[in-house]
């Protein structure tokens, strides 16, 4: 059995700000856009998408759960996505030059990965590995 990742959902409390980050800064293409969600993905990889959505818009979530989610998003501990690039330094420099929120400059990790990290407008940790 072979499975692949088709889509993953990332929280957004401001779809325009999130769209600007993923489209204008990371260079992702917009694949679908609605009132409550936007689907983006890396060009040339139509089978992999990120769905930016408001997790608190779900009518089945209680007010207490909404407050917890909003609190976790504000702390930046609600979601993480790991991306990869062939040239980490050039990618880091390009993203940093946009004024994006840098969490970690390029660094060799003890587990053998060289990566950097940014935070998107909703607080999601966006790690980028060199592969």
Foldseek 3Di string as FASTA:
>chain_A
DDDDAQEDEDEDPDAVQQCCCCCVQVNWDWDDDDPFWTWTGHPPCNRYIYIYGHPLVPPVDDPVRSVVQLVCQVVLNNAEDEAEDQDQVVSQVSNVVVVFAWPAHFDQDPVGWTWTWTAGPSSYIYIYTHD
